[in-house]
Amino acid sequence: MEQHYIEIILRLGAAWAAGAAIGLERTFHGRPAGFRTHALVSLGCSLVMILALFEFFLYPPGIPHQIVSFAPGRIVQGIMTGIGFLGAGVIFKEGLTVHGLTTAASIWVTAAIGVLIGAGFWFPGLAATAILLITLSLMRKVEDRMPQQIYSHVELRFARETAPGPDEIRSLLRDYGFVAARLAYCTDEQDDAFIYKIMAATEDRGAVEALALRLRTMSEVRAFEVSPTDW
């Protein structure tokens, strides 16, 4: 029995670590589903597989598995599918930012924990509860301090005749620590304006405010917008 417990802890830990490692890369590149979200999804999948692989814990001693009438796998499939719809309901988009991904993942993991505890798998259920709480609380501070790229949507409006060239715009962004990942152009016939629409990346959170303050003092800029995607 103790050997099974060690195996369960190793599987839960390895699944969490694998998801966290993948999430680290996503967090660094400023994606909505980052470190904690990937770790929790991997943890939840591991819990469901543990229930399937260690199903023999559910059967009373001395009773052959073949004469037990219920099918835990089908029950779990129905539960986790239904919880997936519930988790999707807490995800929403506000402007360029996506919210609720980690909450949705935690709901899904909580459902898996409930399934395990309900089935009598006390040890993996309680172990996963501890991992979930650590991930949502302590790991949030770690995620906030991790270096990551911050993407911002920058829109600049100039008079058409005096609009600077793309190289000047890129140079301005570089002066404040930004790299122009994408650069688009358009005109406004009614306002006789030339507009740059830029997706810019930086690793310095203070660069967003610094750029906005600089743009506010530039008389040639008719209007501007700087919108970070993760705020």
Protein backbone atom coordinates (compact mmCIF):
# COMPACT_ATOMS: atom_id res chain seq x y z
CA MET A 1 0.00 0.00 0.00
CA GLU A 2 2.79 2.45 0.90
CA GLN A 3 4.46 1.69 -2.44
CA HIS A 4 1.26 2.72 -4.22
CA TYR A 5 1.18 5.98 -2.25
CA ILE A 6 4.75 6.79 -3.28
CA GLU A 7 3.87 6.03 -6.90
CA ILE A 8 0.82 8.30 -6.74
CA ILE A 9 2.83 11.20 -5.27
CA LEU A 10 5.51 10.77 -7.93
CA ARG A 11 2.92 10.81 -10.72
CA LEU A 12 1.11 13.85 -9.33
CA GLY A 13 4.37 15.72 -8.80
CA ALA A 14 5.74 14.85 -12.25
CA ALA A 15 2.49 15.89 -13.96
CA TRP A 16 2.42 19.18 -12.05
CA ALA A 17 6.08 19.88 -12.84
CA ALA A 18 5.64 19.08 -16.54
CA GLY A 19 2.65 21.42 -16.83
CA ALA A 20 4.47 24.12 -14.85
CA ALA A 21 7.54 23.90 -17.09
CA ILE A 22 5.42 24.36 -20.21
CA GLY A 23 3.53 27.17 -18.52
CA LEU A 24 6.77 28.98 -17.70
CA GLU A 25 7.48 29.40 -21.40
CA ARG A 26 3.94 30.67 -22.00
CA THR A 27 4.16 33.09 -19.07
CA PHE A 28 7.46 34.51 -20.33
CA HIS A 29 5.86 35.26 -23.70
CA GLY A 30 2.92 37.00 -22.04
CA ARG A 31 0.23 34.48 -22.97
CA PRO A 32 -3.05 34.37 -21.00
CA ALA A 33 -2.71 30.66 -20.11
CA GLY A 34 0.56 30.62 -18.23
CA PHE A 35 2.43 28.91 -15.41
CA ARG A 36 -0.41 28.12 -12.99
CA THR A 37 -2.99 27.30 -15.65
CA HIS A 38 -0.81 24.69 -17.35
CA ALA A 39 0.26 23.19 -14.01
CA LEU A 40 -3.36 22.79 -12.88
CA VAL A 41 -4.58 21.27 -16.15
CA SER A 42 -1.77 18.72 -16.07
CA LEU A 43 -2.52 17.96 -12.41
CA GLY A 44 -6.22 17.41 -13.13
CA CYS A 45 -5.53 15.02 -15.99
CA SER A 46 -3.13 13.08 -13.77
CA LEU A 47 -5.81 12.74 -11.09
CA VAL A 48 -8.32 11.30 -13.54
CA MET A 49 -5.77 8.81 -14.87
CA ILE A 50 -4.82 7.76 -11.33
CA LEU A 51 -8.46 6.95 -10.65
CA ALA A 52 -8.57 4.79 -13.79
CA LEU A 53 -5.25 3.01 -13.21
CA PHE A 54 -5.66 2.43 -9.47
CA GLU A 55 -9.31 1.45 -9.79
CA PHE A 56 -8.68 -1.77 -7.85
CA PHE A 57 -8.65 0.32 -4.63
CA LEU A 58 -12.41 0.76 -5.07
CA TYR A 59 -13.32 -2.92 -4.88
CA PRO A 60 -13.89 -4.72 -1.56
CA PRO A 61 -11.21 -7.27 -0.67
CA GLY A 62 -11.89 -10.76 -1.97
CA ILE A 63 -14.54 -9.75 -4.52
CA PRO A 64 -13.57 -10.26 -8.19
CA HIS A 65 -13.64 -7.08 -10.24
CA GLN A 66 -15.77 -8.73 -12.90
CA ILE A 67 -18.89 -9.03 -10.71
CA VAL A 68 -18.91 -5.35 -9.67
CA SER A 69 -21.62 -3.67 -11.72
CA PHE A 70 -20.61 0.00 -11.78
CA ALA A 71 -18.16 1.55 -14.26
CA PRO A 72 -16.13 4.36 -12.64
CA GLY A 73 -14.57 5.40 -15.93
CA ARG A 74 -17.89 6.29 -17.54
CA ILE A 75 -19.01 8.16 -14.44
CA VAL A 76 -15.81 10.21 -14.38
CA GLN A 77 -16.10 10.98 -18.09
CA GLY A 78 -19.58 12.42 -17.62
CA ILE A 79 -18.59 14.49 -14.60
CA MET A 80 -15.45 15.98 -16.14
CA THR A 81 -17.25 16.82 -19.38
CA GLY A 82 -19.97 18.67 -17.50
CA ILE A 83 -17.46 20.54 -15.35
CA GLY A 84 -15.67 21.61 -18.52
CA PHE A 85 -18.74 23.60 -19.53
CA LEU A 86 -18.89 25.18 -16.07
CA GLY A 87 -15.22 26.18 -16.29
CA ALA A 88 -15.74 27.71 -19.73
CA GLY A 89 -18.38 29.99 -18.22
CA VAL A 90 -15.84 31.82 -16.05
CA ILE A 91 -13.54 32.69 -18.97
CA PHE A 92 -14.18 36.10 -20.50
CA LYS A 93 -12.38 38.60 -22.69
CA GLU A 94 -12.07 42.24 -21.74
CA GLY A 95 -10.52 44.30 -24.51
CA LEU A 96 -7.31 42.52 -25.48
CA THR A 97 -7.05 40.63 -22.17
CA VAL A 98 -8.42 37.16 -21.37
CA HIS A 99 -9.49 36.55 -17.75
CA GLY A 100 -10.54 33.45 -15.82
CA LEU A 101 -8.30 30.76 -17.33
CA THR A 102 -6.67 29.82 -14.02
CA THR A 103 -10.06 29.87 -12.28
CA ALA A 104 -11.47 27.53 -14.93
CA ALA A 105 -8.51 25.18 -14.51
CA SER A 106 -8.91 25.19 -10.71
CA ILE A 107 -12.62 24.33 -11.06
CA TRP A 108 -11.70 21.38 -13.27
CA VAL A 109 -9.05 20.15 -10.80
CA THR A 110 -11.48 20.60 -7.91
CA ALA A 111 -13.96 18.39 -9.74
CA ALA A 112 -11.30 15.70 -10.14
CA ILE A 113 -10.47 15.96 -6.42
CA GLY A 114 -14.15 15.58 -5.56
CA VAL A 115 -14.36 12.48 -7.74
CA LEU A 116 -11.35 10.88 -6.03
CA ILE A 117 -12.53 11.64 -2.51
CA GLY A 118 -16.03 10.49 -3.37
CA ALA A 119 -14.58 7.23 -4.65
CA GLY A 120 -12.59 6.76 -1.44
CA PHE A 121 -9.18 7.74 -2.82
CA TRP A 122 -8.40 9.86 0.23
CA PHE A 123 -4.65 10.04 -0.17
CA PRO A 124 -4.41 11.31 -3.79
CA GLY A 125 -7.43 13.56 -3.25
CA LEU A 126 -5.92 15.28 -0.21
CA ALA A 127 -2.46 15.42 -1.78
CA ALA A 128 -3.92 17.12 -4.86
CA THR A 129 -5.82 19.56 -2.63
CA ALA A 130 -2.54 20.63 -1.02
CA ILE A 131 -0.87 21.01 -4.43
CA LEU A 132 -3.83 23.03 -5.73
CA LEU A 133 -3.76 25.43 -2.77
CA ILE A 134 0.00 25.92 -3.05
CA THR A 135 -0.31 26.56 -6.79
CA LEU A 136 -3.09 29.14 -6.40
CA SER A 137 -1.55 31.01 -3.47
CA LEU A 138 2.23 30.74 -3.22
CA MET A 139 2.88 30.15 -6.92
CA ARG A 140 0.97 33.32 -7.80
CA LYS A 141 3.69 35.37 -6.11
CA VAL A 142 6.33 33.43 -8.00
CA GLU A 143 4.50 33.98 -11.30
CA ASP A 144 4.19 37.73 -10.64
CA ARG A 145 7.95 38.03 -10.09
CA MET A 146 8.96 35.96 -13.10
CA PRO A 147 10.47 37.84 -16.05
CA GLN A 148 7.96 37.96 -18.86
CA GLN A 149 7.21 39.78 -22.05
CA ILE A 150 4.40 42.31 -21.83
CA TYR A 151 2.52 42.88 -25.08
CA SER A 152 0.79 46.20 -25.67
CA HIS A 153 -1.45 47.43 -28.44
CA VAL A 154 -0.17 50.88 -29.44
CA GLU A 155 -2.16 53.14 -31.75
CA LEU A 156 -0.69 56.45 -32.93
CA ARG A 157 -2.53 59.05 -34.97
CA PHE A 158 -0.68 61.74 -36.98
CA ALA A 159 -1.56 64.31 -39.60
CA ARG A 160 -1.15 62.58 -42.95
CA GLU A 161 1.35 65.08 -44.39
CA THR A 162 3.66 65.10 -41.35
CA ALA A 163 3.43 61.47 -40.22
CA PRO A 164 6.86 59.96 -39.40
CA GLY A 165 8.08 56.86 -41.20
CA PRO A 166 8.00 53.30 -39.79
CA ASP A 167 11.70 53.40 -38.88
CA GLU A 168 11.15 56.49 -36.74
CA ILE A 169 8.26 54.77 -34.95
CA ARG A 170 10.37 51.68 -34.30
CA SER A 171 13.20 53.86 -33.01
CA LEU A 172 10.83 55.68 -30.64
CA LEU A 173 9.59 52.37 -29.27
CA ARG A 174 13.14 51.03 -28.84
CA ASP A 175 14.06 54.13 -26.81
CA TYR A 176 11.49 53.00 -24.24
CA GLY A 177 12.36 49.30 -24.27
CA PHE A 178 9.76 48.11 -26.78
CA VAL A 179 10.13 45.90 -29.83
CA ALA A 180 7.51 46.23 -32.56
CA ALA A 181 6.26 42.67 -33.10
CA ARG A 182 3.68 43.75 -35.70
CA LEU A 183 3.17 47.06 -37.46
CA ALA A 184 0.07 48.00 -39.46
CA TYR A 185 -0.96 51.22 -41.19
CA CYS A 186 -4.23 52.86 -42.14
CA THR A 187 -5.70 56.29 -42.89
CA ASP A 188 -8.74 58.16 -41.70
CA GLU A 189 -10.17 60.16 -44.61
CA GLN A 190 -12.53 62.19 -42.45
CA ASP A 191 -9.79 63.32 -40.09
CA ASP A 192 -7.08 63.35 -42.79
CA ALA A 193 -4.94 61.26 -40.43
CA PHE A 194 -2.32 58.55 -40.82
CA ILE A 195 -2.57 55.83 -38.17
CA TYR A 196 -0.04 53.28 -36.91
CA LYS A 197 -1.39 50.18 -35.18
CA ILE A 198 1.41 48.34 -33.42
CA MET A 199 1.73 45.22 -31.28
CA ALA A 200 4.79 45.97 -29.15
CA ALA A 201 6.59 43.81 -26.58
CA THR A 202 8.72 44.72 -23.58
CA GLU A 203 10.00 43.03 -20.42
CA ASP A 204 9.77 46.22 -18.36
CA ARG A 205 6.37 46.97 -16.82
CA GLY A 206 7.38 50.60 -16.25
CA ALA A 207 7.98 51.05 -19.98
CA VAL A 208 4.25 51.27 -20.66
CA GLU A 209 3.77 54.29 -18.44
CA ALA A 210 7.01 55.90 -19.65
CA LEU A 211 5.97 55.59 -23.29
CA ALA A 212 2.53 57.03 -22.57
CA LEU A 213 4.05 60.03 -20.80
CA ARG A 214 6.38 60.66 -23.74
CA LEU A 215 3.60 60.43 -26.31
CA ARG A 216 1.52 62.90 -24.32
CA THR A 217 4.21 65.55 -24.77
CA MET A 218 4.67 65.05 -28.53
CA SER A 219 2.77 67.82 -30.32
CA GLU A 220 2.79 65.93 -33.63
CA VAL A 221 0.80 63.07 -32.10
CA ARG A 222 -2.88 63.90 -32.53
CA ALA A 223 -4.05 60.98 -30.38
CA PHE A 224 -2.64 57.76 -29.00
CA GLU A 225 -3.60 54.60 -27.13
CA VAL A 226 -1.32 52.20 -25.23
CA SER A 227 -3.21 49.09 -24.04
CA PRO A 228 -1.27 46.27 -22.30
CA THR A 229 -2.87 42.90 -23.08
CA ASP A 230 -2.44 41.37 -19.59
CA TRP A 231 -3.62 44.22 -17.34
